[in-house]
Amino acid sequence: MDTALKTHKRKIYYNTAIVLSLLIFITVHSILIFLGIILHNGLSVINTRAEFMHYTNVQSRLKHGLETKGWQPVSLNSQFGYVLEGTFIPNPTPSNKTVIFVHGIAATQAMGLHVLDMYLDRGYNLLIYDSRNHGASGGPCVTWGYYEQYDLDQWVDWLEKKQPDGVIGVHGVSLGAATAVMHSVLNESSGRVQFYVADSAYSDLAKLLEQQLAKHTRSTHLLWIDILINYASLVAYIQSDFAYASIRPVAAMGTVTTPILYLHGEADTLVPVEMSLELANATNGYRELHTFPGIKHGRAVLDSKQEYQAAVAKFLAVIGH
């Protein structure tokens, strides 16, 4: 009887342990999913339009250009089911050369006006647009270049129809620079884009997120950070069918032959300058890297304007554009 009772108790303890372990696993997993949702939504959904009102000067200039200078509003239906809004700014002297500007996170197409005069002076038109989930464009979330590269390719389609046999360049900043770099891989099969300018691009999204989370949480324990990033990536995959690990532009740059100019501020605390160095070293084709001492993230076009324009002008001269 005692043996049977002990066996019965052992079964109860064993079953209880299994149930408790399962409950702990479900609880921990649920907490991590919840934290992953918060992280992903914070990165890719909630804050993408937060800076919109900070750009009143360039927004006003964009509105003025549309109303008085013949700048042309353009709408595209993305293959992913939302509308993209942009503006085509023709050169006062008719030209078949156009640069497509791709803005950074939480910005708008109006940021392209920072490079407008630089390209107009060199005989280019400028095409600017709001990336998905930014400005007036639709889209459920930012995908850090994953779907944005295909949206950019549709703008290349539009431009090619508007100006057959024209020259097309792409100039991107931050998220826009990473999008441009990723698009350069797509471009290898067609060669429709003749050059890229990538300002403050990241080479590896998961690596960048790990660095930023470690810095902001002041943590040296990277394991929990990696776990949290993986759960946020799982949420991204469930919601939008992409994973953070797939946003690694540096991985494919060995196949790229289109000329690329990499620009980066040396005091960038958001995307370290080493990431542009990594991209430049990995790029197979002609590339240049120009860094700006003391300049923060994406600020070189404003804070080192003459040096910035000189670097772009030199690059265009070298590649014959």
C-alpha atoms as a PDB file:
ATOM      1  CA  MET A   1       0.000   0.000   0.000  1.00  0.00           C
ATOM      2  CA  ASP A   2       2.841   2.394   0.910  1.00  0.00           C
ATOM      3  CA  THR A   3       4.602   1.628  -2.374  1.00  0.00           C
ATOM      4  CA  ALA A   4       1.422   2.248  -4.376  1.00  0.00           C
ATOM      5  CA  LEU A   5       0.867   5.522  -2.513  1.00  0.00           C
ATOM      6  CA  LYS A   6       4.423   6.675  -3.161  1.00  0.00           C
ATOM      7  CA  THR A   7       4.077   5.809  -6.836  1.00  0.00           C
ATOM      8  CA  HIS A   8       0.828   7.749  -7.015  1.00  0.00           C
ATOM      9  CA  LYS A   9       2.419  10.758  -5.311  1.00  0.00           C
ATOM     10  CA  ARG A  10       5.373  10.633  -7.680  1.00  0.00           C
ATOM     11  CA  LYS A  11       2.963  10.716 -10.626  1.00  0.00           C
ATOM     12  CA  ILE A  12       1.190  13.700  -9.125  1.00  0.00           C
ATOM     13  CA  TYR A  13       4.503  15.524  -8.544  1.00  0.00           C
ATOM     14  CA  TYR A  14       5.666  14.652 -12.054  1.00  0.00           C
ATOM     15  CA  ASN A  15       2.440  15.808 -13.688  1.00  0.00           C
ATOM     16  CA  THR A  16       2.408  18.964 -11.562  1.00  0.00           C
ATOM     17  CA  ALA A  17       5.991  19.717 -12.577  1.00  0.00           C
ATOM     18  CA  ILE A  18       5.079  19.289 -16.252  1.00  0.00           C
ATOM     19  CA  VAL A  19       2.048  21.576 -15.917  1.00  0.00           C
ATOM     20  CA  LEU A  20       4.043  24.204 -14.018  1.00  0.00           C
ATOM     21  CA  SER A  21       6.874  24.041 -16.569  1.00  0.00           C
ATOM     22  CA  LEU A  22       4.372  24.428 -19.371  1.00  0.00           C
ATOM     23  CA  LEU A  23       2.707  27.365 -17.641  1.00  0.00           C
ATOM     24  CA  ILE A  24       6.091  29.027 -17.059  1.00  0.00           C
ATOM     25  CA  PHE A  25       7.045  28.465 -20.706  1.00  0.00           C
ATOM     26  CA  ILE A  26       3.744  29.890 -21.955  1.00  0.00           C
ATOM     27  CA  THR A  27       3.993  32.856 -19.578  1.00  0.00           C
ATOM     28  CA  VAL A  28       7.582  33.690 -20.551  1.00  0.00           C
ATOM     29  CA  HIS A  29       6.808  33.180 -24.232  1.00  0.00           C
ATOM     30  CA  SER A  30       3.722  35.420 -23.952  1.00  0.00           C
ATOM     31  CA  ILE A  31       5.699  38.151 -22.191  1.00  0.00           C
ATOM     32  CA  LEU A  32       8.403  38.018 -24.863  1.00  0.00           C
ATOM     33  CA  ILE A  33       5.802  38.150 -27.637  1.00  0.00           C
ATOM     34  CA  PHE A  34       4.215  41.157 -25.934  1.00  0.00           C
ATOM     35  CA  LEU A  35       7.594  42.888 -25.638  1.00  0.00           C
ATOM     36  CA  GLY A  36       8.332  41.959 -29.244  1.00  0.00           C
ATOM     37  CA  ILE A  37       5.075  43.595 -30.338  1.00  0.00           C
ATOM     38  CA  ILE A  38       5.975  46.762 -28.415  1.00  0.00           C
ATOM     39  CA  LEU A  39       9.467  46.865 -29.914  1.00  0.00           C
ATOM     40  CA  HIS A  40       8.379  46.149 -33.474  1.00  0.00           C
ATOM     41  CA  ASN A  41       5.468  48.584 -33.395  1.00  0.00           C
ATOM     42  CA  GLY A  42       7.681  51.251 -31.851  1.00  0.00           C
ATOM     43  CA  LEU A  43      10.312  50.779 -34.532  1.00  0.00           C
ATOM     44  CA  SER A  44       8.174  50.177 -37.582  1.00  0.00           C
ATOM     45  CA  VAL A  45       4.628  51.480 -37.080  1.00  0.00           C
ATOM     46  CA  ILE A  46       3.955  54.079 -34.404  1.00  0.00           C
ATOM     47  CA  ASN A  47       6.784  56.571 -34.822  1.00  0.00           C
ATOM     48  CA  THR A  48       7.185  56.660 -38.595  1.00  0.00           C
ATOM     49  CA  ARG A  49       5.134  59.843 -38.930  1.00  0.00           C
ATOM     50  CA  ALA A  50       6.214  61.355 -35.599  1.00  0.00           C
ATOM     51  CA  GLU A  51       8.706  63.811 -37.113  1.00  0.00           C
ATOM     52  CA  PHE A  52       6.360  65.034 -39.861  1.00  0.00           C
ATOM     53  CA  MET A  53       5.592  68.364 -38.204  1.00  0.00           C
ATOM     54  CA  HIS A  54       9.280  69.072 -37.527  1.00  0.00           C
ATOM     55  CA  TYR A  55       9.940  69.733 -41.217  1.00  0.00           C
ATOM     56  CA  THR A  56       7.685  72.755 -41.695  1.00  0.00           C
ATOM     57  CA  ASN A  57      10.250  74.752 -43.709  1.00  0.00           C
ATOM     58  CA  VAL A  58      10.772  72.154 -46.405  1.00  0.00           C
ATOM     59  CA  GLN A  59       7.100  71.178 -46.329  1.00  0.00           C
ATOM     60  CA  SER A  60       6.225  74.814 -47.038  1.00  0.00           C
ATOM     61  CA  ARG A  61       8.769  74.913 -49.853  1.00  0.00           C
ATOM     62  CA  LEU A  62       7.280  71.753 -51.347  1.00  0.00           C
ATOM     63  CA  LYS A  63       3.773  73.209 -51.191  1.00  0.00           C
ATOM     64  CA  HIS A  64       4.975  76.439 -52.786  1.00  0.00           C
ATOM     65  CA  GLY A  65       6.690  74.540 -55.595  1.00  0.00           C
ATOM     66  CA  LEU A  66       3.581  72.513 -56.341  1.00  0.00           C
ATOM     67  CA  GLU A  67       1.435  75.645 -56.410  1.00  0.00           C
ATOM     68  CA  THR A  68       3.674  78.051 -58.323  1.00  0.00           C
ATOM     69  CA  LYS A  69       6.593  76.289 -60.039  1.00  0.00           C
ATOM     70  CA  GLY A  70       4.987  73.538 -62.027  1.00  0.00           C
ATOM     71  CA  TRP A  71       6.228  70.721 -59.807  1.00  0.00           C
ATOM     72  CA  GLN A  72       4.185  67.649 -60.640  1.00  0.00           C
ATOM     73  CA  PRO A  73       2.407  65.480 -58.024  1.00  0.00           C
ATOM     74  CA  VAL A  74       2.648  61.777 -58.815  1.00  0.00           C
ATOM     75  CA  SER A  75       0.790  58.776 -57.352  1.00  0.00           C
ATOM     76  CA  LEU A  76       1.708  55.123 -57.787  1.00  0.00           C
ATOM     77  CA  ASN A  77      -0.129  51.980 -56.764  1.00  0.00           C
ATOM     78  CA  SER A  78       2.401  49.801 -54.992  1.00  0.00           C
ATOM     79  CA  GLN A  79       2.316  46.135 -55.902  1.00  0.00           C
ATOM     80  CA  PHE A  80       1.821  45.539 -52.167  1.00  0.00           C
ATOM     81  CA  GLY A  81      -1.587  47.200 -52.060  1.00  0.00           C
ATOM     82  CA  TYR A  82      -1.124  50.822 -51.001  1.00  0.00           C
ATOM     83  CA  VAL A  83      -0.638  54.190 -52.701  1.00  0.00           C
ATOM     84  CA  LEU A  84       2.711  55.959 -52.872  1.00  0.00           C
ATOM     85  CA  GLU A  85       2.738  59.745 -53.217  1.00  0.00           C
ATOM     86  CA  GLY A  86       5.575  61.674 -54.817  1.00  0.00           C
ATOM     87  CA  THR A  87       6.593  64.804 -56.705  1.00  0.00           C
ATOM     88  CA  PHE A  88       8.510  65.183 -59.953  1.00  0.00           C
ATOM     89  CA  ILE A  89      10.567  68.384 -60.047  1.00  0.00           C
ATOM     90  CA  PRO A  90      11.718  69.158 -63.589  1.00  0.00           C
ATOM     91  CA  ASN A  91      14.930  71.008 -64.277  1.00  0.00           C
ATOM     92  CA  PRO A  92      14.299  74.519 -65.681  1.00  0.00           C
ATOM     93  CA  THR A  93      16.437  73.399 -68.618  1.00  0.00           C
ATOM     94  CA  PRO A  94      14.772  70.293 -70.103  1.00  0.00           C
ATOM     95  CA  SER A  95      16.742  67.192 -69.150  1.00  0.00           C
ATOM     96  CA  ASN A  96      16.461  63.421 -69.412  1.00  0.00           C
ATOM     97  CA  LYS A  97      18.637  62.951 -66.312  1.00  0.00           C
ATOM     98  CA  THR A  98      16.810  62.356 -63.012  1.00  0.00           C
ATOM     99  CA  VAL A  99      17.779  61.502 -59.447  1.00  0.00           C
ATOM    100  CA  ILE A 100      15.259  59.665 -57.261  1.00  0.00           C
ATOM    101  CA  PHE A 101      15.542  60.741 -53.625  1.00  0.00           C
ATOM    102  CA  VAL A 102      14.623  58.271 -50.856  1.00  0.00           C
ATOM    103  CA  HIS A 103      14.207  59.767 -47.370  1.00  0.00           C
ATOM    104  CA  GLY A 104      14.974  58.316 -43.955  1.00  0.00           C
ATOM    105  CA  ILE A 105      12.847  57.035 -41.073  1.00  0.00           C
ATOM    106  CA  ALA A 106      10.121  59.366 -39.744  1.00  0.00           C
ATOM    107  CA  ALA A 107      10.745  61.864 -42.559  1.00  0.00           C
ATOM    108  CA  THR A 108       8.925  62.771 -45.795  1.00  0.00           C
ATOM    109  CA  GLN A 109       9.632  63.405 -49.452  1.00  0.00           C
ATOM    110  CA  ALA A 110      10.200  67.069 -48.605  1.00  0.00           C
ATOM    111  CA  MET A 111      13.607  66.147 -47.187  1.00  0.00           C
ATOM    112  CA  GLY A 112      14.708  65.669 -50.781  1.00  0.00           C
ATOM    113  CA  LEU A 113      14.609  69.438 -51.193  1.00  0.00           C
ATOM    114  CA  HIS A 114      17.911  69.543 -49.270  1.00  0.00           C
ATOM    115  CA  VAL A 115      19.611  68.112 -52.363  1.00  0.00           C
ATOM    116  CA  LEU A 116      17.380  69.801 -54.966  1.00  0.00           C
ATOM    117  CA  ASP A 117      19.644  72.732 -55.893  1.00  0.00           C
ATOM    118  CA  MET A 118      22.697  70.476 -55.962  1.00  0.00           C
ATOM    119  CA  TYR A 119      21.156  68.263 -58.630  1.00  0.00           C
ATOM    120  CA  LEU A 120      19.366  71.016 -60.559  1.00  0.00           C
ATOM    121  CA  ASP A 121      22.716  72.799 -60.894  1.00  0.00           C
ATOM    122  CA  ARG A 122      24.148  69.651 -62.446  1.00  0.00           C
ATOM    123  CA  GLY A 123      21.375  69.297 -64.997  1.00  0.00           C
ATOM    124  CA  TYR A 124      19.206  66.721 -63.230  1.00  0.00           C
ATOM    125  CA  ASN A 125      15.498  66.563 -62.504  1.00  0.00           C
ATOM    126  CA  LEU A 126      14.539  65.342 -59.029  1.00  0.00           C
ATOM    127  CA  LEU A 127      11.871  62.775 -58.145  1.00  0.00           C
ATOM    128  CA  ILE A 128      10.974  62.665 -54.460  1.00  0.00           C
ATOM    129  CA  TYR A 129       8.373  60.481 -52.743  1.00  0.00           C
ATOM    130  CA  ASP A 130       6.996  59.416 -49.378  1.00  0.00           C
ATOM    131  CA  SER A 131       8.127  55.892 -48.569  1.00  0.00           C
ATOM    132  CA  ARG A 132       5.603  53.339 -47.324  1.00  0.00           C
ATOM    133  CA  ASN A 133       4.024  54.221 -43.986  1.00  0.00           C
ATOM    134  CA  HIS A 134       5.424  57.757 -44.222  1.00  0.00           C
ATOM    135  CA  GLY A 135       3.935  61.112 -45.111  1.00  0.00           C
ATOM    136  CA  ALA A 136       0.976  60.793 -47.465  1.00  0.00           C
ATOM    137  CA  SER A 137       1.838  57.259 -48.606  1.00  0.00           C
ATOM    138  CA  GLY A 138       0.081  54.148 -47.347  1.00  0.00           C
ATOM    139  CA  GLY A 139       1.430  50.855 -46.090  1.00  0.00           C
ATOM    140  CA  PRO A 140       1.012  49.093 -42.746  1.00  0.00           C
ATOM    141  CA  CYS A 141       4.570  49.433 -41.456  1.00  0.00           C
ATOM    142  CA  VAL A 142       8.186  50.142 -42.310  1.00  0.00           C
ATOM    143  CA  THR A 143      10.152  47.073 -43.402  1.00  0.00           C
ATOM    144  CA  TRP A 144      13.605  48.700 -43.315  1.00  0.00           C
ATOM    145  CA  GLY A 145      14.223  48.247 -47.020  1.00  0.00           C
ATOM    146  CA  TYR A 146      12.658  44.826 -47.570  1.00  0.00           C
ATOM    147  CA  TYR A 147       9.531  45.988 -49.420  1.00  0.00           C
ATOM    148  CA  GLU A 148      10.805  49.542 -49.894  1.00  0.00           C
ATOM    149  CA  GLN A 149      13.354  48.349 -52.465  1.00  0.00           C
ATOM    150  CA  TYR A 150      10.524  47.051 -54.666  1.00  0.00           C
ATOM    151  CA  ASP A 151       8.574  50.304 -54.259  1.00  0.00           C
ATOM    152  CA  LEU A 152      11.707  52.130 -55.404  1.00  0.00           C
ATOM    153  CA  ASP A 153      11.876  49.814 -58.402  1.00  0.00           C
ATOM    154  CA  GLN A 154       8.335  50.862 -59.327  1.00  0.00           C
ATOM    155  CA  TRP A 155       9.430  54.506 -59.293  1.00  0.00           C
ATOM    156  CA  VAL A 156      12.224  53.501 -61.655  1.00  0.00           C
ATOM    157  CA  ASP A 157       9.525  51.896 -63.861  1.00  0.00           C
ATOM    158  CA  TRP A 158       7.530  55.138 -63.833  1.00  0.00           C
ATOM    159  CA  LEU A 159      10.574  57.252 -64.624  1.00  0.00           C
ATOM    160  CA  GLU A 160      11.691  54.962 -67.431  1.00  0.00           C
ATOM    161  CA  LYS A 161       8.286  55.312 -69.097  1.00  0.00           C
ATOM    162  CA  LYS A 162       8.357  59.085 -68.657  1.00  0.00           C
ATOM    163  CA  GLN A 163      11.899  59.447 -69.992  1.00  0.00           C
ATOM    164  CA  PRO A 164      12.975  56.479 -72.118  1.00  0.00           C
ATOM    165  CA  ASP A 165      16.757  56.188 -72.465  1.00  0.00           C
ATOM    166  CA  GLY A 166      17.252  58.749 -69.702  1.00  0.00           C
ATOM    167  CA  VAL A 167      19.886  58.672 -66.969  1.00  0.00           C
ATOM    168  CA  ILE A 168      18.617  57.554 -63.552  1.00  0.00           C
ATOM    169  CA  GLY A 169      20.416  57.926 -60.233  1.00  0.00           C
ATOM    170  CA  VAL A 170      19.244  57.210 -56.684  1.00  0.00           C
ATOM    171  CA  HIS A 171      20.150  59.239 -53.589  1.00  0.00           C
ATOM    172  CA  GLY A 172      19.062  57.862 -50.208  1.00  0.00           C
ATOM    173  CA  VAL A 173      19.560  58.895 -46.586  1.00  0.00           C
ATOM    174  CA  SER A 174      19.557  56.466 -43.626  1.00  0.00           C
ATOM    175  CA  LEU A 175      16.614  54.088 -44.228  1.00  0.00           C
ATOM    176  CA  GLY A 176      16.530  55.506 -47.751  1.00  0.00           C
ATOM    177  CA  ALA A 177      20.246  54.782 -48.161  1.00  0.00           C
ATOM    178  CA  ALA A 178      19.772  51.174 -47.051  1.00  0.00           C
ATOM    179  CA  THR A 179      16.828  50.911 -49.456  1.00  0.00           C
ATOM    180  CA  ALA A 180      19.032  52.260 -52.257  1.00  0.00           C
ATOM    181  CA  VAL A 181      21.822  49.822 -51.441  1.00  0.00           C
ATOM    182  CA  MET A 182      19.391  46.895 -51.401  1.00  0.00           C
ATOM    183  CA  HIS A 183      17.893  48.083 -54.691  1.00  0.00           C
ATOM    184  CA  SER A 184      21.365  48.073 -56.254  1.00  0.00           C
ATOM    185  CA  VAL A 185      21.237  44.274 -56.030  1.00  0.00           C
ATOM    186  CA  LEU A 186      17.903  44.217 -57.901  1.00  0.00           C
ATOM    187  CA  ASN A 187      19.385  46.610 -60.447  1.00  0.00           C
ATOM    188  CA  GLU A 188      22.131  44.189 -61.485  1.00  0.00           C
ATOM    189  CA  SER A 189      19.835  42.319 -63.854  1.00  0.00           C
ATOM    190  CA  SER A 190      18.582  45.442 -65.644  1.00  0.00           C
ATOM    191  CA  GLY A 191      21.167  48.176 -65.138  1.00  0.00           C
ATOM    192  CA  ARG A 192      18.424  50.799 -65.252  1.00  0.00           C
ATOM    193  CA  VAL A 193      19.958  52.875 -62.453  1.00  0.00           C
ATOM    194  CA  GLN A 194      23.369  54.277 -63.378  1.00  0.00           C
ATOM    195  CA  PHE A 195      24.557  55.309 -59.906  1.00  0.00           C
ATOM    196  CA  TYR A 196      23.658  55.429 -56.213  1.00  0.00           C
ATOM    197  CA  VAL A 197      24.482  57.860 -53.422  1.00  0.00           C
ATOM    198  CA  ALA A 198      24.021  56.247 -50.002  1.00  0.00           C
ATOM    199  CA  ASP A 199      24.157  58.666 -47.052  1.00  0.00           C
ATOM    200  CA  SER A 200      24.341  57.061 -43.583  1.00  0.00           C
ATOM    201  CA  ALA A 201      23.338  53.542 -44.640  1.00  0.00           C
ATOM    202  CA  TYR A 202      23.201  50.603 -42.231  1.00  0.00           C
ATOM    203  CA  SER A 203      24.814  47.344 -43.266  1.00  0.00           C
ATOM    204  CA  ASP A 204      22.954  44.937 -40.961  1.00  0.00           C
ATOM    205  CA  LEU A 205      19.635  45.797 -39.265  1.00  0.00           C
ATOM    206  CA  ALA A 206      19.751  43.158 -36.517  1.00  0.00           C
ATOM    207  CA  LYS A 207      23.302  44.188 -35.625  1.00  0.00           C
ATOM    208  CA  LEU A 208      22.274  47.845 -35.537  1.00  0.00           C
ATOM    209  CA  LEU A 209      19.280  47.118 -33.290  1.00  0.00           C
ATOM    210  CA  GLU A 210      21.473  45.097 -30.938  1.00  0.00           C
ATOM    211  CA  GLN A 211      23.924  47.994 -30.648  1.00  0.00           C
ATOM    212  CA  GLN A 212      21.204  50.565 -30.054  1.00  0.00           C
ATOM    213  CA  LEU A 213      19.298  48.491 -27.483  1.00  0.00           C
ATOM    214  CA  ALA A 214      22.521  47.726 -25.602  1.00  0.00           C
ATOM    215  CA  LYS A 215      23.380  51.434 -25.546  1.00  0.00           C
ATOM    216  CA  HIS A 216      19.955  52.674 -24.473  1.00  0.00           C
ATOM    217  CA  THR A 217      19.481  50.001 -21.805  1.00  0.00           C
ATOM    218  CA  ARG A 218      23.137  50.242 -20.723  1.00  0.00           C
ATOM    219  CA  SER A 219      23.262  46.482 -20.778  1.00  0.00           C
ATOM    220  CA  THR A 220      26.275  44.258 -21.407  1.00  0.00           C
ATOM    221  CA  HIS A 221      24.090  41.135 -21.483  1.00  0.00           C
ATOM    222  CA  LEU A 222      23.496  40.703 -25.185  1.00  0.00           C
ATOM    223  CA  LEU A 223      21.667  37.376 -24.889  1.00  0.00           C
ATOM    224  CA  TRP A 224      18.389  38.883 -23.668  1.00  0.00           C
ATOM    225  CA  ILE A 225      18.690  41.664 -26.255  1.00  0.00           C
ATOM    226  CA  ASP A 226      19.129  39.095 -29.031  1.00  0.00           C
ATOM    227  CA  ILE A 227      16.129  37.151 -27.713  1.00  0.00           C
ATOM    228  CA  LEU A 228      13.989  40.316 -27.675  1.00  0.00           C
ATOM    229  CA  ILE A 229      15.087  41.238 -31.218  1.00  0.00           C
ATOM    230  CA  ASN A 230      14.240  37.714 -32.390  1.00  0.00           C
ATOM    231  CA  TYR A 231      10.749  37.979 -30.917  1.00  0.00           C
ATOM    232  CA  ALA A 232      10.246  41.422 -32.508  1.00  0.00           C
ATOM    233  CA  SER A 233      11.390  39.879 -35.774  1.00  0.00           C
ATOM    234  CA  LEU A 234       8.867  37.078 -35.284  1.00  0.00           C
ATOM    235  CA  VAL A 235       6.138  39.703 -34.894  1.00  0.00           C
ATOM    236  CA  ALA A 236       7.364  41.401 -38.078  1.00  0.00           C
ATOM    237  CA  TYR A 237       7.210  38.077 -39.900  1.00  0.00           C
ATOM    238  CA  ILE A 238       3.688  37.316 -38.653  1.00  0.00           C
ATOM    239  CA  GLN A 239       2.399  40.816 -39.437  1.00  0.00           C
ATOM    240  CA  SER A 240       4.259  41.625 -42.654  1.00  0.00           C
ATOM    241  CA  ASP A 241       6.115  38.514 -43.804  1.00  0.00           C
ATOM    242  CA  PHE A 242       9.658  39.814 -43.359  1.00  0.00           C
ATOM    243  CA  ALA A 243      12.375  39.147 -40.785  1.00  0.00           C
ATOM    244  CA  TYR A 244      14.970  41.531 -39.385  1.00  0.00           C
ATOM    245  CA  ALA A 245      17.727  39.068 -40.267  1.00  0.00           C
ATOM    246  CA  SER A 246      16.839  39.454 -43.955  1.00  0.00           C
ATOM    247  CA  ILE A 247      17.736  43.173 -43.805  1.00  0.00           C
ATOM    248  CA  ARG A 248      21.455  42.713 -44.245  1.00  0.00           C
ATOM    249  CA  PRO A 249      22.500  44.775 -47.280  1.00  0.00           C
ATOM    250  CA  VAL A 250      26.187  43.993 -46.823  1.00  0.00           C
ATOM    251  CA  ALA A 251      25.611  40.316 -47.572  1.00  0.00           C
ATOM    252  CA  ALA A 252      24.909  40.819 -51.277  1.00  0.00           C
ATOM    253  CA  MET A 253      27.179  43.743 -52.148  1.00  0.00           C
ATOM    254  CA  GLY A 254      29.739  41.425 -53.702  1.00  0.00           C
ATOM    255  CA  THR A 255      27.400  41.106 -56.698  1.00  0.00           C
ATOM    256  CA  VAL A 256      26.904  44.852 -57.255  1.00  0.00           C
ATOM    257  CA  THR A 257      28.735  46.601 -60.101  1.00  0.00           C
ATOM    258  CA  THR A 258      26.777  49.881 -60.318  1.00  0.00           C
ATOM    259  CA  PRO A 259      28.860  52.806 -58.951  1.00  0.00           C
ATOM    260  CA  ILE A 260      28.000  53.797 -55.375  1.00  0.00           C
ATOM    261  CA  LEU A 261      29.071  56.805 -53.322  1.00  0.00           C
ATOM    262  CA  TYR A 262      28.897  56.165 -49.582  1.00  0.00           C
ATOM    263  CA  LEU A 263      28.616  59.244 -47.349  1.00  0.00           C
ATOM    264  CA  HIS A 264      28.634  59.178 -43.549  1.00  0.00           C
ATOM    265  CA  GLY A 265      29.138  61.492 -40.571  1.00  0.00           C
ATOM    266  CA  GLU A 266      31.942  60.340 -38.294  1.00  0.00           C
ATOM    267  CA  ALA A 267      30.020  61.465 -35.179  1.00  0.00           C
ATOM    268  CA  ASP A 268      26.945  59.400 -36.092  1.00  0.00           C
ATOM    269  CA  THR A 269      25.638  57.785 -32.899  1.00  0.00           C
ATOM    270  CA  LEU A 270      22.599  56.215 -34.564  1.00  0.00           C
ATOM    271  CA  VAL A 271      24.216  54.328 -37.434  1.00  0.00           C
ATOM    272  CA  PRO A 272      27.967  54.005 -36.833  1.00  0.00           C
ATOM    273  CA  VAL A 273      30.238  55.162 -39.648  1.00  0.00           C
ATOM    274  CA  GLU A 274      31.818  51.694 -39.635  1.00  0.00           C
ATOM    275  CA  MET A 275      28.693  50.367 -41.329  1.00  0.00           C
ATOM    276  CA  SER A 276      29.325  52.458 -44.451  1.00  0.00           C
ATOM    277  CA  LEU A 277      32.947  51.321 -44.371  1.00  0.00           C
ATOM    278  CA  GLU A 278      31.728  47.728 -44.194  1.00  0.00           C
ATOM    279  CA  LEU A 279      29.409  48.292 -47.161  1.00  0.00           C
ATOM    280  CA  ALA A 280      32.106  50.002 -49.203  1.00  0.00           C
ATOM    281  CA  ASN A 281      34.579  47.199 -48.554  1.00  0.00           C
ATOM    282  CA  ALA A 282      31.985  44.608 -49.598  1.00  0.00           C
ATOM    283  CA  THR A 283      30.922  46.380 -52.810  1.00  0.00           C
ATOM    284  CA  ASN A 284      32.242  44.698 -55.941  1.00  0.00           C
ATOM    285  CA  GLY A 285      31.955  47.599 -58.394  1.00  0.00           C
ATOM    286  CA  TYR A 286      33.302  51.142 -58.335  1.00  0.00           C
ATOM    287  CA  ARG A 287      32.652  52.798 -55.004  1.00  0.00           C
ATOM    288  CA  GLU A 288      33.785  55.808 -53.040  1.00  0.00           C
ATOM    289  CA  LEU A 289      33.524  56.477 -49.310  1.00  0.00           C
ATOM    290  CA  HIS A 290      33.552  60.023 -47.967  1.00  0.00           C
ATOM    291  CA  THR A 291      33.194  60.666 -44.244  1.00  0.00           C
ATOM    292  CA  PHE A 292      32.580  63.951 -42.440  1.00  0.00           C
ATOM    293  CA  PRO A 293      34.435  64.614 -39.150  1.00  0.00           C
ATOM    294  CA  GLY A 294      32.210  65.749 -36.289  1.00  0.00           C
ATOM    295  CA  ILE A 295      28.970  65.301 -38.232  1.00  0.00           C
ATOM    296  CA  LYS A 296      25.984  63.426 -36.783  1.00  0.00           C
ATOM    297  CA  HIS A 297      23.473  61.123 -38.437  1.00  0.00           C
ATOM    298  CA  GLY A 298      22.249  62.372 -41.809  1.00  0.00           C
ATOM    299  CA  ARG A 299      23.382  65.940 -41.086  1.00  0.00           C
ATOM    300  CA  ALA A 300      26.259  66.286 -43.558  1.00  0.00           C
ATOM    301  CA  VAL A 301      23.994  67.652 -46.307  1.00  0.00           C
ATOM    302  CA  LEU A 302      23.167  70.576 -43.992  1.00  0.00           C
ATOM    303  CA  ASP A 303      26.152  70.961 -41.671  1.00  0.00           C
ATOM    304  CA  SER A 304      28.912  70.299 -44.252  1.00  0.00           C
ATOM    305  CA  LYS A 305      27.022  71.486 -47.304  1.00  0.00           C
ATOM    306  CA  GLN A 306      29.970  72.559 -49.476  1.00  0.00           C
ATOM    307  CA  GLU A 307      32.010  69.456 -48.707  1.00  0.00           C
ATOM    308  CA  TYR A 308      28.947  67.268 -49.282  1.00  0.00           C
ATOM    309  CA  GLN A 309      28.211  68.810 -52.668  1.00  0.00           C
ATOM    310  CA  ALA A 310      31.865  68.625 -53.671  1.00  0.00           C
ATOM    311  CA  ALA A 311      31.972  64.902 -52.839  1.00  0.00           C
ATOM    312  CA  VAL A 312      28.878  64.234 -54.948  1.00  0.00           C
ATOM    313  CA  ALA A 313      30.168  66.393 -57.822  1.00  0.00           C
ATOM    314  CA  LYS A 314      33.527  64.576 -57.813  1.00  0.00           C
ATOM    315  CA  PHE A 315      31.822  61.193 -57.826  1.00  0.00           C
ATOM    316  CA  LEU A 316      29.533  62.132 -60.723  1.00  0.00           C
ATOM    317  CA  ALA A 317      32.488  63.474 -62.697  1.00  0.00           C
ATOM    318  CA  VAL A 318      34.507  60.300 -62.161  1.00  0.00           C
ATOM    319  CA  ILE A 319      31.684  58.033 -63.369  1.00  0.00           C
ATOM    320  CA  GLY A 320      30.864  60.322 -66.291  1.00  0.00           C
ATOM    321  CA  HIS A 321      27.531  61.719 -65.141  1.00  0.00           C
END
